[in-house]
Amino acid sequence: MGTLKHIGWRLANILPVLLIVSVLTFLIGRLTPGDPIQGQYARTFTPEQIEAIRDSYGLNLPLWQQYVKWVADLFVAGGGKSIVQDAPVFDVLWPNFLNTIVLTVAGVLICAVVGITIGTIAGANHRRAADRFSMLFVQVGSNLSVYWFGLILIWIFALQLKWLPVSGMQSRNGGGFGDLLAHLILPGISAALISMLVLARFTRIGIVQESHSDYYKTFQSQGAGRFSLLGKHVGRNILPPVVNIIGLEIGTLLTGVLFVESVFNWPGIGTQLLNAVNGKDYPLIQGGVVLIALVYLVVNLVTDIAVDALNPRLKR
């Protein structure tokens, strides 16, 4: 019952957060200088026709009425109509958003596998050479820019070694699932860099703390091997915080992916939103930001539920 109440409370909190995000996104878009209708149609339409177009988008209404109209469009009109592409916002965003989800999932998998592996090696070899080398790698990697790191990966593995494709989501002639995986490796690693190093650090800390606990020393004195202890006891005890960190880092991955897309020319929502910003396409920008915020909130909710399920002591 406590868990159900907690889930209900978290669900209730999503609405005010989305409200704040929508208001801020709307105001920032409207208060920036420039007229998207003028920029899009000034060369081909008369001033009277441009005013008629502004009326059709509700841009001549008072600011509060524009906001109410946009919120209503989110539920009944596919997020409104894109000014630049003249199509429903969610119809425009959805294919690219799915591409972003594919890249984010790849980043999460790389983050989890590599981050936990590095952290486990470091924690299991506390104060040994493997620990020092792993933490040096984490320290250096944490100071790298995702954008710069992506360019370095392209230069080494795509241009010099020619092992992987430079950019895009698939080859021109297509290539199926294997081709998609080849295109995912470099942007996935680039997107996962910071998050996997954060996860490695927390995994190491968890293992070191557990290895100094009383139960660990008791089992060790009874002849239990280090790897057996790590697998049966330490891993189970640090799993909830590790899952929690992964859930929190998905938000970082999602925002990092938006920058990675521009480096690797990945056809995702980040590239689309960048083009929308350049064209001051208000409905597309607002719809994209709200969609990303919603995914972030849902991921946090699912993570919270998973942590509660893995650790009954955290049930509320």
Protein backbone atom coordinates (compact mmCIF):
# COMPACT_ATOMS: atom_id res chain seq x y z
CA MET A 1 0.00 0.00 0.00
CA GLY A 2 2.86 2.36 0.84
CA THR A 3 4.38 1.81 -2.60
CA LEU A 4 1.05 2.51 -4.31
CA LYS A 5 0.70 5.76 -2.38
CA HIS A 6 4.23 6.73 -3.37
CA ILE A 7 3.53 5.99 -7.04
CA GLY A 8 0.32 8.02 -6.86
CA TRP A 9 2.21 10.90 -5.27
CA ARG A 10 4.88 10.83 -7.97
CA LEU A 11 2.26 10.70 -10.72
CA ALA A 12 0.53 13.70 -9.17
CA ASN A 13 3.84 15.59 -9.12
CA ILE A 14 4.35 15.09 -12.87
CA LEU A 15 1.53 17.49 -13.77
CA PRO A 16 2.82 20.62 -11.98
CA VAL A 17 6.35 19.98 -13.29
CA LEU A 18 5.02 19.71 -16.86
CA LEU A 19 3.00 22.88 -16.27
CA ILE A 20 6.11 24.79 -15.20
CA VAL A 21 8.12 23.41 -18.13
CA SER A 22 5.38 24.33 -20.60
CA VAL A 23 5.03 27.90 -19.26
CA LEU A 24 8.78 28.53 -19.29
CA THR A 25 9.20 27.05 -22.76
CA PHE A 26 6.29 29.09 -24.09
CA LEU A 27 7.50 32.37 -22.59
CA ILE A 28 11.12 31.95 -23.66
CA GLY A 29 10.01 31.25 -27.22
CA ARG A 30 7.64 34.20 -27.36
CA LEU A 31 9.97 36.72 -25.71
CA THR A 32 12.93 36.07 -28.02
CA PRO A 33 13.22 38.62 -30.86
CA GLY A 34 12.13 37.83 -34.40
CA ASP A 35 8.94 36.88 -36.22
CA PRO A 36 8.78 33.32 -37.59
CA ILE A 37 5.96 34.17 -39.99
CA GLN A 38 7.87 37.11 -41.47
CA GLY A 39 10.99 35.00 -41.79
CA GLN A 40 9.13 32.18 -43.50
CA TYR A 41 6.75 34.06 -45.82
CA ALA A 42 7.96 37.66 -46.24
CA ARG A 43 9.44 37.06 -49.70
CA THR A 44 6.42 35.31 -51.19
CA PHE A 45 3.32 36.79 -49.50
CA THR A 46 1.79 40.24 -49.14
CA PRO A 47 1.52 41.90 -45.69
CA GLU A 48 -2.22 41.13 -45.67
CA GLN A 49 -1.60 37.46 -46.38
CA ILE A 50 1.07 37.32 -43.67
CA GLU A 51 -1.37 38.77 -41.14
CA ALA A 52 -3.92 36.15 -42.16
CA ILE A 53 -1.30 33.43 -41.55
CA ARG A 54 -0.50 34.95 -38.15
CA ASP A 55 -4.20 34.82 -37.31
CA SER A 56 -4.39 31.16 -38.33
CA TYR A 57 -1.59 30.33 -35.87
CA GLY A 58 -3.15 32.48 -33.15
CA LEU A 59 -0.08 34.73 -32.97
CA ASN A 60 -2.19 37.91 -32.84
CA LEU A 61 -4.01 36.77 -29.71
CA PRO A 62 -3.02 37.99 -26.23
CA LEU A 63 -0.14 36.00 -24.77
CA TRP A 64 -2.26 34.09 -22.25
CA GLN A 65 -4.75 33.06 -24.95
CA GLN A 66 -1.89 31.83 -27.13
CA TYR A 67 -0.71 29.65 -24.25
CA VAL A 68 -4.18 28.23 -23.58
CA LYS A 69 -4.62 27.51 -27.30
CA TRP A 70 -1.27 25.74 -27.47
CA VAL A 71 -2.00 23.57 -24.40
CA ALA A 72 -5.35 22.61 -25.93
CA ASP A 73 -3.58 21.76 -29.21
CA LEU A 74 -1.29 19.36 -27.31
CA PHE A 75 -4.31 17.18 -26.55
CA VAL A 76 -6.62 17.63 -29.55
CA ALA A 77 -4.56 18.90 -32.50
CA GLY A 78 -1.33 16.89 -32.47
CA GLY A 79 0.60 19.63 -30.69
CA GLY A 80 -0.48 22.33 -33.14
CA LYS A 81 0.94 22.94 -36.59
CA SER A 82 4.62 23.42 -37.36
CA ILE A 83 5.22 26.86 -38.88
CA VAL A 84 8.13 25.75 -41.06
CA GLN A 85 6.90 22.30 -42.09
CA ASP A 86 3.15 23.05 -42.13
CA ALA A 87 2.26 19.72 -40.50
CA PRO A 88 1.07 18.57 -37.05
CA VAL A 89 3.91 18.93 -34.55
CA PHE A 90 3.80 15.38 -33.20
CA ASP A 91 3.65 13.93 -36.72
CA VAL A 92 6.87 15.82 -37.46
CA LEU A 93 8.58 15.00 -34.17
CA TRP A 94 7.65 11.35 -33.71
CA PRO A 95 9.92 9.64 -36.31
CA ASN A 96 12.92 11.68 -35.17
CA PHE A 97 12.02 11.16 -31.52
CA LEU A 98 12.08 7.38 -32.04
CA ASN A 99 15.56 7.72 -33.56
CA THR A 100 16.65 9.63 -30.46
CA ILE A 101 15.20 6.89 -28.23
CA VAL A 102 17.21 4.28 -30.18
CA LEU A 103 20.40 6.25 -29.59
CA THR A 104 19.52 6.84 -25.93
CA VAL A 105 18.88 3.12 -25.33
CA ALA A 106 22.26 2.32 -26.89
CA GLY A 107 23.86 4.90 -24.61
CA VAL A 108 22.13 3.46 -21.53
CA LEU A 109 23.31 -0.07 -22.36
CA ILE A 110 26.90 1.09 -22.91
CA CYS A 111 26.72 3.20 -19.74
CA ALA A 112 25.46 0.28 -17.64
CA VAL A 113 27.81 -2.40 -19.00
CA VAL A 114 31.00 -0.35 -19.14
CA GLY A 115 30.30 1.76 -16.05
CA ILE A 116 29.50 -1.19 -13.79
CA THR A 117 32.46 -3.16 -15.16
CA ILE A 118 34.95 -0.35 -14.49
CA GLY A 119 33.48 0.32 -11.06
CA THR A 120 33.53 -3.37 -10.13
CA ILE A 121 37.15 -3.81 -11.21
CA ALA A 122 38.17 -0.71 -9.26
CA GLY A 123 36.15 -1.58 -6.15
CA ALA A 124 37.24 -5.22 -6.05
CA ASN A 125 40.88 -4.13 -6.31
CA HIS A 126 40.71 -1.22 -3.87
CA ARG A 127 44.06 0.62 -3.55
CA ARG A 128 45.68 -1.70 -6.07
CA ALA A 129 47.01 -0.84 -9.51
CA ALA A 130 43.72 -1.71 -11.25
CA ASP A 131 41.85 0.66 -8.94
CA ARG A 132 44.29 3.53 -9.51
CA PHE A 133 44.31 3.03 -13.28
CA SER A 134 40.50 2.84 -13.44
CA MET A 135 40.07 5.99 -11.36
CA LEU A 136 42.65 7.82 -13.49
CA PHE A 137 40.62 6.87 -16.56
CA VAL A 138 37.43 8.08 -14.84
CA GLN A 139 39.06 11.36 -13.79
CA VAL A 140 40.42 12.12 -17.27
CA GLY A 141 37.21 11.07 -19.03
CA SER A 142 35.03 13.16 -16.72
CA ASN A 143 36.77 16.31 -17.96
CA LEU A 144 36.20 15.60 -21.65
CA SER A 145 33.55 17.38 -23.68
CA VAL A 146 31.00 15.02 -25.25
CA TYR A 147 31.18 17.06 -28.46
CA TRP A 148 34.99 16.94 -28.61
CA PHE A 149 35.07 13.26 -27.62
CA GLY A 150 32.71 12.44 -30.48
CA LEU A 151 34.98 14.20 -32.97
CA ILE A 152 37.99 12.26 -31.66
CA LEU A 153 36.11 8.96 -32.03
CA ILE A 154 35.22 9.86 -35.63
CA TRP A 155 38.80 10.78 -36.44
CA ILE A 156 40.28 7.57 -34.99
CA PHE A 157 37.75 4.84 -35.77
CA ALA A 158 36.03 6.20 -38.88
CA LEU A 159 38.61 8.30 -40.73
CA GLN A 160 41.92 6.70 -39.74
CA LEU A 161 41.10 3.03 -39.03
CA LYS A 162 37.94 3.01 -41.17
CA TRP A 163 36.33 0.43 -38.88
CA LEU A 164 33.03 2.25 -38.43
CA PRO A 165 30.86 4.70 -40.43
CA VAL A 166 31.43 8.43 -39.98
CA SER A 167 27.87 9.57 -39.43
CA GLY A 168 24.19 8.98 -40.04
CA MET A 169 21.87 6.20 -38.95
CA GLN A 170 22.25 3.84 -41.90
CA SER A 171 24.17 3.44 -45.13
CA ARG A 172 22.69 4.79 -48.35
CA ASN A 173 21.92 1.33 -49.65
CA GLY A 174 20.69 0.14 -46.25
CA GLY A 175 22.11 -2.84 -44.43
CA GLY A 176 19.62 -4.08 -41.88
CA PHE A 177 20.16 -4.44 -38.16
CA GLY A 178 23.93 -4.98 -38.43
CA ASP A 179 24.31 -1.71 -40.31
CA LEU A 180 22.28 0.11 -37.63
CA LEU A 181 24.51 -1.34 -34.89
CA ALA A 182 27.63 -0.19 -36.73
CA HIS A 183 26.23 3.35 -36.92
CA LEU A 184 25.22 3.23 -33.23
CA ILE A 185 28.61 2.35 -31.73
CA LEU A 186 30.42 5.69 -31.96
CA PRO A 187 27.51 8.01 -31.08
CA GLY A 188 26.41 5.58 -28.34
CA ILE A 189 29.86 5.63 -26.72
CA SER A 190 30.07 9.40 -27.05
CA ALA A 191 26.64 9.92 -25.47
CA ALA A 192 27.37 7.46 -22.65
CA LEU A 193 30.82 8.83 -21.73
CA ILE A 194 30.00 11.09 -18.77
CA SER A 195 27.18 8.92 -17.41
CA MET A 196 29.17 5.69 -17.48
CA LEU A 197 32.03 7.35 -15.60
CA VAL A 198 29.63 8.65 -12.96
CA LEU A 199 28.18 5.15 -12.66
CA ALA A 200 31.67 3.64 -12.41
CA ARG A 201 32.53 5.98 -9.55
CA PHE A 202 29.34 5.17 -7.60
CA THR A 203 29.72 1.42 -8.23
CA ARG A 204 33.26 1.52 -6.89
CA ILE A 205 32.19 3.46 -3.79
CA GLY A 206 29.38 0.97 -3.12
CA ILE A 207 31.67 -2.05 -3.41
CA VAL A 208 34.34 -0.47 -1.18
CA GLN A 209 31.76 0.39 1.49
CA GLU A 210 30.24 -3.09 1.40
CA SER A 211 33.68 -4.72 1.63
CA HIS A 212 34.22 -2.95 4.96
CA SER A 213 30.89 -4.07 6.40
CA ASP A 214 30.57 -6.62 9.20
CA TYR A 215 28.73 -9.26 7.14
CA TYR A 216 31.45 -9.14 4.46
CA LYS A 217 34.21 -9.68 7.01
CA THR A 218 32.22 -12.50 8.63
CA PHE A 219 31.73 -14.38 5.37
CA GLN A 220 35.36 -13.72 4.45
CA SER A 221 36.54 -15.20 7.76
CA GLN A 222 34.45 -18.29 7.02
CA GLY A 223 36.38 -18.86 3.81
CA ALA A 224 34.03 -17.31 1.25
CA GLY A 225 35.86 -16.23 -1.89
CA ARG A 226 36.00 -12.62 -3.04
CA PHE A 227 34.16 -13.25 -6.30
CA SER A 228 31.48 -15.27 -4.51
CA LEU A 229 30.93 -12.42 -2.07
CA LEU A 230 30.77 -9.87 -4.88
CA GLY A 231 28.23 -11.88 -6.82
CA LYS A 232 25.95 -13.14 -4.05
CA HIS A 233 26.00 -10.35 -1.48
CA VAL A 234 27.75 -7.14 -2.52
CA GLY A 235 26.14 -7.03 -5.95
CA ARG A 236 22.66 -7.54 -4.49
CA ASN A 237 23.16 -4.81 -1.89
CA ILE A 238 24.50 -2.17 -4.26
CA LEU A 239 21.95 -2.94 -7.00
CA PRO A 240 19.24 -0.47 -5.79
CA PRO A 241 21.57 2.57 -5.71
CA VAL A 242 23.14 1.53 -9.01
CA VAL A 243 19.69 1.29 -10.64
CA ASN A 244 18.86 4.68 -9.13
CA ILE A 245 22.00 6.24 -10.60
CA ILE A 246 21.28 4.71 -14.01
CA GLY A 247 17.77 6.17 -13.92
CA LEU A 248 19.07 9.60 -13.00
CA GLU A 249 21.75 9.42 -15.67
CA ILE A 250 19.17 8.62 -18.38
CA GLY A 251 18.17 12.28 -18.16
CA THR A 252 21.81 13.27 -18.66
CA LEU A 253 22.05 10.81 -21.56
CA LEU A 254 18.91 12.20 -23.16
CA THR A 255 20.21 15.76 -23.10
CA GLY A 256 23.71 14.65 -24.09
CA VAL A 257 22.30 12.77 -27.06
CA LEU A 258 20.92 16.05 -28.42
CA PHE A 259 24.50 17.33 -28.81
CA VAL A 260 25.83 14.01 -30.07
CA GLU A 261 23.24 14.01 -32.85
CA SER A 262 24.74 17.16 -34.35
CA VAL A 263 28.25 15.64 -34.30
CA PHE A 264 27.25 12.35 -35.93
CA ASN A 265 24.46 13.75 -38.11
CA TRP A 266 22.00 11.43 -36.37
CA PRO A 267 18.42 12.12 -37.55
CA GLY A 268 16.97 12.62 -34.09
CA ILE A 269 14.87 15.16 -32.25
CA GLY A 270 17.93 17.20 -31.24
CA THR A 271 18.78 17.98 -34.87
CA GLN A 272 15.14 18.76 -35.53
CA LEU A 273 14.86 21.11 -32.54
CA LEU A 274 18.04 22.91 -33.59
CA ASN A 275 16.52 23.55 -37.02
CA ALA A 276 13.29 24.65 -35.32
CA VAL A 277 15.20 27.14 -33.15
CA ASN A 278 16.90 28.60 -36.22
CA GLY A 279 13.51 28.97 -37.90
CA LYS A 280 11.75 30.14 -34.70
CA ASP A 281 9.20 27.38 -35.17
CA TYR A 282 7.43 27.95 -31.82
CA PRO A 283 5.03 24.97 -31.89
CA LEU A 284 7.78 22.51 -32.85
CA ILE A 285 10.19 23.77 -30.17
CA GLN A 286 7.52 23.72 -27.47
CA GLY A 287 6.23 20.28 -28.41
CA GLY A 288 9.75 18.83 -28.49
CA VAL A 289 10.72 20.24 -25.09
CA VAL A 290 7.50 19.01 -23.46
CA LEU A 291 7.98 15.56 -25.02
CA ILE A 292 11.55 15.30 -23.68
CA ALA A 293 10.46 16.53 -20.24
CA LEU A 294 7.65 13.96 -20.14
CA VAL A 295 10.02 11.10 -20.99
CA TYR A 296 12.47 12.28 -18.33
CA LEU A 297 9.73 12.37 -15.66
CA VAL A 298 8.37 8.94 -16.64
CA VAL A 299 11.88 7.43 -16.54
CA ASN A 300 12.40 8.86 -13.04
CA LEU A 301 9.07 7.40 -11.94
CA VAL A 302 9.90 3.95 -13.33
CA THR A 303 13.35 4.12 -11.72
CA ASP A 304 11.81 4.99 -8.36
CA ILE A 305 9.42 2.03 -8.61
CA ALA A 306 12.29 -0.30 -9.59
CA VAL A 307 14.40 0.83 -6.64
CA ASP A 308 11.49 0.21 -4.26
CA ALA A 309 10.97 -3.24 -5.74
CA LEU A 310 14.66 -4.14 -5.40
CA ASN A 311 14.97 -2.87 -1.84
CA PRO A 312 11.91 -3.52 0.36
CA ARG A 313 13.42 -1.32 3.10
CA LEU A 314 12.77 1.69 0.87
CA LYS A 315 9.05 0.98 0.55
CA ARG A 316 6.95 3.82 1.82
